[in-house]
Amino acid sequence: MSETKRIYLSSPTMSGSEMKFIEEAFETNWVAPLGKNVDEFEKEMAEYVGASHAVALSSGTAALHLAVKLANVRRGDVVLCSDLTFSATVNPISYEGGVQVFIDSEPETWNMDPEALREAFRKYPRAKAVVVVNLYGTPARLEVIKEICKEHGVPLIEDAAESLGATHMGRQTGAIGDYGVFSFNGNKIITTSGGGMLVTDDAEAAKTARFWATQSREPFPWYEHKELGYNYRMSNVVAGIGRGQLLHLDEHKAKKKLIYERYKSALSDLPLSMNPHLPESEPNFWLSCVLLDEGCSVKPMDIINMLGKNNIEARPIWKPMHMQPLYRENDFISAGGDLSGEIFKRGVCLPSDIKMTEEEAAKVISLIRSNF
């Protein structure tokens, strides 16, 4: 491996703004869960995305779990889910005993295909909820999917873990579904090192989520519990990091877009295409990805291995859920073919770190081109 500095896929970018809020937490001795930073981070996130309520939690997965509970998913209930995603999107359905049915992607966004979703509702008319993902920061066809959910009277859970700051038809992702979920993991567009957020316009749902997330403790002088709870609330220190990061979200978005446009221009003559988006959407360009043309002699691992030998991180596209051993018995519904599988077989996530210099970007592009 080269001794040069490693170029990462997407690493944390800290500005120093975070320290003001962290120091305040230490000075006031509020370092445990809850506190001023948590309260303010919730308000600032709700205001940014245009939701009425936000609940700061320990992870995006915790937020997804509570969203599934709020959707009243019970043992044996079918939930229709995006197929091309990370397992954290769909695992919480199993926590509640639900059954995932996976919906294929569409070529225009790589996200849930509305036509396949319609087909799924014909097959599973009593499905309890829909979980849609905004893959790699690109909004799904959210207005169509939400309308389909309304037709069938089911809630839409929007997994916006990767898409904070992205918009669809002028609205922030995460605030379009009945419940929206964000992740602040170390590789996301802003990070709190770990943590997540649940957003909703439903005041009672937000109240219930906070109750469940604090071990479902009843308002008694002693510890009284009538139902199962969870230790899911965000730390005041972690929330302080989030407040500092949120100040720079738009700056991070602009840098991510520059990376995407640079790749798009520099690789335009090769047999590949960039991860697509709808004209009515503005992604946050969290990760720049390429899809190799069908029949291309270059394979994803050729590019990934070439970059890896030069201390540069790249990864395959998410392996679809219907191809995972854990979910091999679950149903998979497509409007024709298996686009999710094709994207996995021919796709590559390219280095998208906003600290990448122009010189480093030129090196990455040169190495990619050398495969062809």
Protein backbone atom coordinates (compact mmCIF):
# COMPACT_ATOMS: atom_id res chain seq x y z
CA MET A 1 0.00 0.00 0.00
CA SER A 2 1.19 3.50 -0.82
CA GLU A 3 2.59 5.63 2.01
CA THR A 4 0.67 8.66 0.77
CA LYS A 5 -2.17 10.18 2.77
CA ARG A 6 -5.32 8.10 2.54
CA ILE A 7 -8.21 9.52 0.54
CA TYR A 8 -11.46 8.47 2.17
CA LEU A 9 -14.89 7.74 0.78
CA SER A 10 -16.51 10.23 3.18
CA SER A 11 -14.88 11.07 6.49
CA PRO A 12 -15.96 13.54 9.21
CA THR A 13 -15.24 17.21 8.51
CA MET A 14 -15.01 19.27 11.68
CA SER A 15 -14.95 23.07 11.57
CA GLY A 16 -14.20 24.01 15.18
CA SER A 17 -17.70 25.49 15.59
CA GLU A 18 -18.62 22.35 17.52
CA MET A 19 -16.34 23.20 20.46
CA LYS A 20 -18.44 26.13 21.66
CA PHE A 21 -21.41 23.85 22.28
CA ILE A 22 -19.32 20.98 23.66
CA GLU A 23 -17.57 23.30 26.12
CA GLU A 24 -20.91 24.69 27.24
CA ALA A 25 -22.07 21.16 28.03
CA PHE A 26 -18.95 20.56 30.12
CA GLU A 27 -19.13 23.93 31.87
CA THR A 28 -22.74 23.31 32.90
CA ASN A 29 -22.00 19.63 33.71
CA TRP A 30 -24.73 18.51 31.28
CA VAL A 31 -22.82 15.66 29.64
CA ALA A 32 -25.47 12.96 30.07
CA PRO A 33 -28.50 12.42 27.82
CA LEU A 34 -30.73 15.47 27.49
CA GLY A 35 -29.86 19.11 28.16
CA LYS A 36 -29.83 22.44 26.35
CA ASN A 37 -27.90 21.17 23.31
CA VAL A 38 -30.41 18.36 22.77
CA ASP A 39 -33.36 20.76 23.01
CA GLU A 40 -31.77 23.30 20.67
CA PHE A 41 -30.54 20.70 18.17
CA GLU A 42 -34.08 19.35 17.91
CA LYS A 43 -35.45 22.85 17.30
CA GLU A 44 -32.76 23.72 14.76
CA MET A 45 -33.20 20.47 12.84
CA ALA A 46 -37.00 20.81 12.78
CA GLU A 47 -36.68 24.37 11.51
CA TYR A 48 -34.11 23.43 8.86
CA VAL A 49 -36.12 20.58 7.33
CA GLY A 50 -39.52 22.20 7.82
CA ALA A 51 -40.97 19.68 10.26
CA SER A 52 -43.05 20.56 13.30
CA HIS A 53 -41.22 18.26 15.71
CA ALA A 54 -37.83 16.54 16.00
CA VAL A 55 -36.62 13.92 18.49
CA ALA A 56 -32.85 13.53 18.96
CA LEU A 57 -31.84 9.88 19.35
CA SER A 58 -28.77 7.70 19.76
CA SER A 59 -28.70 6.54 16.12
CA GLY A 60 -30.54 6.60 12.84
CA THR A 61 -31.41 2.95 13.44
CA ALA A 62 -33.07 3.88 16.73
CA ALA A 63 -35.07 6.54 14.88
CA LEU A 64 -36.15 3.98 12.28
CA HIS A 65 -37.18 1.56 15.01
CA LEU A 66 -39.37 4.15 16.70
CA ALA A 67 -40.86 5.14 13.33
CA VAL A 68 -41.80 1.48 12.73
CA LYS A 69 -43.43 1.35 16.18
CA LEU A 70 -45.30 4.60 15.51
CA ALA A 71 -46.60 3.03 12.30
CA ASN A 72 -48.11 0.33 14.54
CA VAL A 73 -46.23 -2.52 12.86
CA ARG A 74 -46.87 -5.76 14.72
CA ARG A 75 -45.82 -9.39 14.38
CA GLY A 76 -46.64 -10.72 10.93
CA ASP A 77 -47.43 -7.31 9.41
CA VAL A 78 -46.06 -6.69 5.92
CA VAL A 79 -43.97 -3.56 5.35
CA LEU A 80 -43.04 -2.55 1.80
CA CYS A 81 -39.41 -1.37 1.68
CA SER A 82 -36.79 0.00 -0.66
CA ASP A 83 -34.61 -2.91 -1.80
CA LEU A 84 -31.40 -1.04 -2.64
CA THR A 85 -30.23 0.16 0.76
CA PHE A 86 -28.23 -0.64 3.89
CA SER A 87 -29.69 -3.27 6.20
CA ALA A 88 -30.28 -0.71 8.97
CA THR A 89 -33.21 0.59 6.92
CA VAL A 90 -35.14 -2.66 7.19
CA ASN A 91 -33.79 -4.45 10.28
CA PRO A 92 -36.04 -2.48 12.71
CA ILE A 93 -39.07 -4.07 11.05
CA SER A 94 -37.80 -7.39 12.36
CA TYR A 95 -37.43 -5.88 15.84
CA GLU A 96 -41.22 -5.56 15.89
CA GLY A 97 -41.83 -8.92 14.21
CA GLY A 98 -42.86 -7.43 10.86
CA VAL A 99 -42.14 -8.95 7.45
CA GLN A 100 -40.20 -7.01 4.83
CA VAL A 101 -41.26 -7.10 1.19
CA PHE A 102 -38.62 -5.51 -1.01
CA ILE A 103 -39.44 -3.12 -3.86
CA ASP A 104 -37.11 -2.81 -6.86
CA SER A 105 -35.44 0.41 -7.97
CA GLU A 106 -36.26 2.68 -10.90
CA PRO A 107 -33.56 3.84 -13.34
CA GLU A 108 -34.21 7.58 -12.90
CA THR A 109 -33.21 7.72 -9.22
CA TRP A 110 -32.04 4.20 -8.21
CA ASN A 111 -34.72 4.51 -5.52
CA MET A 112 -38.06 2.75 -5.01
CA ASP A 113 -39.99 2.23 -8.25
CA PRO A 114 -43.55 3.57 -7.80
CA GLU A 115 -44.89 1.09 -10.36
CA ALA A 116 -43.37 -1.81 -8.44
CA LEU A 117 -44.88 -0.33 -5.27
CA ARG A 118 -48.33 -0.31 -6.89
CA GLU A 119 -47.83 -3.94 -7.85
CA ALA A 120 -46.81 -4.72 -4.27
CA PHE A 121 -50.03 -3.20 -2.92
CA ARG A 122 -52.03 -5.32 -5.36
CA LYS A 123 -50.32 -8.39 -3.93
CA TYR A 124 -50.31 -7.18 -0.31
CA PRO A 125 -53.37 -4.92 0.08
CA ARG A 126 -53.11 -5.09 3.88
CA ALA A 127 -49.49 -3.90 4.03
CA LYS A 128 -48.98 -1.83 7.19
CA ALA A 129 -46.43 0.78 6.07
CA VAL A 130 -43.93 1.82 3.39
CA VAL A 131 -40.25 2.58 4.05
CA VAL A 132 -38.59 4.55 1.25
CA VAL A 133 -34.90 5.45 1.06
CA ASN A 134 -33.25 8.50 -0.52
CA LEU A 135 -30.19 6.60 -1.70
CA TYR A 136 -26.79 8.30 -1.49
CA GLY A 137 -28.51 11.64 -0.88
CA THR A 138 -30.76 11.45 -3.97
CA PRO A 139 -34.50 11.98 -3.34
CA ALA A 140 -36.86 9.23 -4.41
CA ARG A 141 -40.01 10.03 -6.41
CA LEU A 142 -41.50 11.05 -3.10
CA GLU A 143 -44.65 12.87 -4.16
CA VAL A 144 -45.83 9.84 -6.18
CA ILE A 145 -44.93 7.36 -3.45
CA LYS A 146 -46.68 9.45 -0.80
CA GLU A 147 -49.82 9.62 -2.94
CA ILE A 148 -49.80 5.81 -3.34
CA CYS A 149 -49.53 5.48 0.45
CA LYS A 150 -52.48 7.86 0.91
CA GLU A 151 -54.55 5.79 -1.52
CA HIS A 152 -53.96 2.74 0.66
CA GLY A 153 -54.20 4.53 4.01
CA VAL A 154 -50.71 3.58 5.21
CA PRO A 155 -47.98 5.77 6.72
CA LEU A 156 -44.81 6.60 4.79
CA ILE A 157 -41.53 6.29 6.68
CA GLU A 158 -38.84 8.28 4.88
CA ASP A 159 -35.31 7.06 5.46
CA ALA A 160 -33.39 10.28 4.86
CA ALA A 161 -30.31 9.00 6.71
CA GLU A 162 -28.15 9.88 3.70
CA SER A 163 -30.11 12.84 2.32
CA LEU A 164 -30.10 15.64 4.91
CA GLY A 165 -30.29 18.91 2.98
CA ALA A 166 -31.58 17.34 -0.24
CA THR A 167 -34.86 18.69 -1.62
CA HIS A 168 -37.66 17.30 -3.78
CA MET A 169 -40.02 19.76 -5.46
CA GLY A 170 -38.70 22.43 -3.10
CA ARG A 171 -39.29 20.45 0.10
CA GLN A 172 -36.60 19.05 2.35
CA THR A 173 -36.31 15.27 2.38
CA GLY A 174 -37.22 13.67 5.69
CA ALA A 175 -40.12 16.07 6.12
CA ILE A 176 -42.16 14.67 3.22
CA GLY A 177 -43.10 11.31 4.76
CA ASP A 178 -45.26 10.87 7.86
CA TYR A 179 -42.07 10.08 9.75
CA GLY A 180 -38.59 11.08 8.65
CA VAL A 181 -35.29 9.67 9.85
CA PHE A 182 -31.78 11.15 9.73
CA SER A 183 -28.38 9.69 10.64
CA PHE A 184 -25.38 11.58 11.97
CA ASN A 185 -22.93 8.68 11.64
CA GLY A 186 -19.28 9.57 11.03
CA ASN A 187 -19.53 9.30 7.25
CA LYS A 188 -22.67 11.41 6.76
CA ILE A 189 -22.83 14.95 5.36
CA ILE A 190 -22.85 16.23 8.94
CA THR A 191 -21.89 14.07 11.90
CA THR A 192 -22.24 13.90 15.66
CA SER A 193 -19.91 10.85 15.68
CA GLY A 194 -23.07 8.80 16.10
CA GLY A 195 -26.70 9.75 16.55
CA GLY A 196 -29.96 10.19 14.70
CA MET A 197 -33.13 12.24 14.52
CA LEU A 198 -36.81 11.43 14.04
CA VAL A 199 -38.96 14.20 12.57
CA THR A 200 -42.72 14.42 12.20
CA ASP A 201 -45.59 16.91 12.04
CA ASP A 202 -47.53 14.78 14.53
CA ALA A 203 -47.13 16.22 18.03
CA GLU A 204 -48.50 13.12 19.74
CA ALA A 205 -46.15 10.86 17.77
CA ALA A 206 -43.15 12.97 18.80
CA LYS A 207 -44.25 12.83 22.44
CA THR A 208 -44.66 9.05 22.26
CA ALA A 209 -41.23 8.63 20.62
CA ARG A 210 -39.58 10.61 23.43
CA PHE A 211 -41.39 8.48 25.99
CA TRP A 212 -40.28 5.19 24.42
CA ALA A 213 -36.73 6.51 23.98
CA THR A 214 -36.41 7.24 27.72
CA GLN A 215 -37.26 3.69 28.82
CA SER A 216 -41.00 4.43 28.80
CA ARG A 217 -40.70 5.82 32.30
CA GLU A 218 -44.04 6.93 33.72
CA PRO A 219 -44.30 10.32 35.54
CA PHE A 220 -44.01 8.99 39.09
CA PRO A 221 -41.44 9.83 41.81
CA TRP A 222 -40.24 6.23 41.53
CA TYR A 223 -39.38 4.25 38.40
CA GLU A 224 -42.69 3.03 37.00
CA HIS A 225 -43.00 1.24 33.65
CA LYS A 226 -46.17 0.04 31.94
CA GLU A 227 -44.65 -0.77 28.55
CA LEU A 228 -41.34 -1.67 26.96
CA GLY A 229 -38.92 1.22 26.57
CA TYR A 230 -35.47 1.88 25.12
CA ASN A 231 -32.32 3.80 25.98
CA TYR A 232 -32.39 5.79 22.74
CA ARG A 233 -31.98 9.46 23.71
CA MET A 234 -29.07 11.54 22.43
CA SER A 235 -26.27 12.77 24.70
CA ASN A 236 -26.00 16.50 25.33
CA VAL A 237 -22.34 16.43 24.23
CA VAL A 238 -23.19 14.64 20.97
CA ALA A 239 -25.99 17.13 20.32
CA GLY A 240 -23.48 19.95 20.77
CA ILE A 241 -21.38 18.48 17.96
CA GLY A 242 -24.51 18.35 15.83
CA ARG A 243 -25.34 22.01 16.46
CA GLY A 244 -21.88 23.05 15.32
CA GLN A 245 -22.04 20.80 12.28
CA LEU A 246 -25.49 22.04 11.23
CA LEU A 247 -24.05 25.54 10.83
CA HIS A 248 -21.93 24.18 7.95
CA LEU A 249 -24.44 21.88 6.23
CA ASP A 250 -25.00 24.13 3.21
CA GLU A 251 -21.24 24.56 2.81
CA HIS A 252 -20.80 20.77 2.89
CA LYS A 253 -23.55 20.34 0.30
CA ALA A 254 -21.86 22.79 -2.07
CA LYS A 255 -18.55 20.93 -1.79
CA LYS A 256 -20.24 17.55 -2.34
CA LYS A 257 -21.93 18.89 -5.48
CA LEU A 258 -18.60 20.16 -6.80
CA ILE A 259 -17.13 16.66 -6.39
CA TYR A 260 -20.06 15.13 -8.29
CA GLU A 261 -19.82 17.65 -11.14
CA ARG A 262 -16.06 17.15 -11.38
CA TYR A 263 -16.45 13.40 -11.78
CA LYS A 264 -19.33 13.84 -14.23
CA SER A 265 -17.26 16.10 -16.48
CA ALA A 266 -13.97 14.20 -16.23
CA LEU A 267 -15.48 10.74 -16.86
CA SER A 268 -18.08 11.72 -19.45
CA ASP A 269 -16.33 9.97 -22.34
CA LEU A 270 -16.11 6.61 -20.55
CA PRO A 271 -18.68 3.77 -20.73
CA LEU A 272 -20.36 4.70 -17.46
CA SER A 273 -22.90 7.11 -15.99
CA MET A 274 -23.22 8.99 -12.70
CA ASN A 275 -25.91 8.22 -10.11
CA PRO A 276 -28.95 9.99 -11.56
CA HIS A 277 -31.55 12.34 -10.09
CA LEU A 278 -34.84 13.88 -11.15
CA PRO A 279 -34.89 17.45 -12.52
CA GLU A 280 -37.34 18.41 -9.74
CA SER A 281 -34.90 17.16 -7.09
CA GLU A 282 -31.72 18.65 -5.68
CA PRO A 283 -29.63 15.90 -4.06
CA ASN A 284 -27.11 16.63 -1.33
CA PHE A 285 -24.62 14.58 -3.42
CA TRP A 286 -23.46 12.74 -0.30
CA LEU A 287 -21.74 10.07 -2.39
CA SER A 288 -20.79 10.29 -6.05
CA CYS A 289 -21.31 6.93 -7.75
CA VAL A 290 -20.88 5.51 -11.23
CA LEU A 291 -22.74 2.76 -13.05
CA LEU A 292 -20.65 0.93 -15.64
CA ASP A 293 -22.38 0.34 -18.95
CA GLU A 294 -23.88 -3.09 -19.49
CA GLY A 295 -21.28 -5.35 -21.12
CA CYS A 296 -18.37 -3.09 -20.08
CA SER A 297 -15.14 -5.11 -19.77
CA VAL A 298 -14.14 -3.09 -16.68
CA LYS A 299 -15.77 -4.37 -13.49
CA PRO A 300 -16.46 -2.51 -10.21
CA MET A 301 -13.76 -4.39 -8.31
CA ASP A 302 -11.18 -3.42 -10.96
CA ILE A 303 -11.74 0.24 -10.07
CA ILE A 304 -12.03 -0.41 -6.33
CA ASN A 305 -8.83 -2.51 -6.24
CA MET A 306 -6.90 -0.02 -8.37
CA LEU A 307 -7.83 2.82 -6.03
CA GLY A 308 -7.20 0.64 -2.96
CA LYS A 309 -3.63 -0.07 -4.08
CA ASN A 310 -3.10 3.68 -4.02
CA ASN A 311 -4.54 4.17 -0.52
CA ILE A 312 -7.85 5.50 -1.84
CA GLU A 313 -11.16 4.25 -0.46
CA ALA A 314 -14.00 3.23 -2.81
CA ARG A 315 -16.79 0.73 -2.28
CA PRO A 316 -19.37 -1.32 -4.14
CA ILE A 317 -22.94 -0.09 -4.26
CA TRP A 318 -25.14 -1.41 -1.42
CA LYS A 319 -25.93 -5.07 -1.95
CA PRO A 320 -29.75 -5.21 -2.33
CA MET A 321 -31.75 -6.64 0.52
CA HIS A 322 -33.35 -9.36 -1.63
CA MET A 323 -29.82 -10.67 -2.32
CA GLN A 324 -28.82 -10.78 1.37
CA PRO A 325 -28.69 -14.23 3.02
CA LEU A 326 -30.66 -12.83 5.98
CA TYR A 327 -33.62 -11.94 3.74
CA ARG A 328 -33.43 -14.54 0.99
CA GLU A 329 -36.91 -15.88 1.87
CA ASN A 330 -38.56 -12.44 1.68
CA ASP A 331 -40.58 -11.42 -1.36
CA PHE A 332 -39.07 -9.09 -3.97
CA ILE A 333 -41.33 -7.17 -6.32
CA SER A 334 -40.26 -5.55 -9.56
CA ALA A 335 -42.01 -3.85 -12.44
CA GLY A 336 -39.74 -5.96 -14.68
CA GLY A 337 -36.25 -7.36 -14.27
CA ASP A 338 -33.98 -6.74 -11.28
CA LEU A 339 -32.61 -3.23 -11.53
CA SER A 340 -31.38 -3.18 -7.91
CA GLY A 341 -29.26 -6.24 -8.63
CA GLU A 342 -27.88 -4.69 -11.82
CA ILE A 343 -26.90 -1.48 -10.05
CA PHE A 344 -25.10 -3.53 -7.39
CA LYS A 345 -23.27 -5.60 -10.01
CA ARG A 346 -22.15 -2.60 -12.09
CA GLY A 347 -21.91 0.25 -9.59
CA VAL A 348 -19.08 1.89 -7.63
CA CYS A 349 -19.15 4.50 -4.83
CA LEU A 350 -16.27 6.90 -5.54
CA PRO A 351 -14.27 8.94 -3.02
CA SER A 352 -16.53 11.83 -2.02
CA ASP A 353 -14.69 13.34 0.92
CA ILE A 354 -15.13 17.11 1.02
CA LYS A 355 -11.55 17.55 2.26
CA MET A 356 -10.24 16.00 -0.97
CA THR A 357 -7.98 18.53 -2.73
CA GLU A 358 -8.06 19.26 -6.47
CA GLU A 359 -4.72 17.47 -6.80
CA GLU A 360 -6.09 14.40 -5.00
CA ALA A 361 -9.25 14.47 -7.10
CA ALA A 362 -7.14 14.58 -10.27
CA LYS A 363 -5.22 11.54 -9.03
CA VAL A 364 -8.44 9.61 -8.35
CA ILE A 365 -9.79 10.45 -11.80
CA SER A 366 -6.53 9.47 -13.48
CA LEU A 367 -6.53 6.10 -11.71
CA ILE A 368 -10.17 5.45 -12.67
CA ARG A 369 -9.41 6.28 -16.30
CA SER A 370 -6.39 3.98 -16.30
CA ASN A 371 -8.76 0.99 -15.98
CA PHE A 372 -10.15 1.79 -19.44
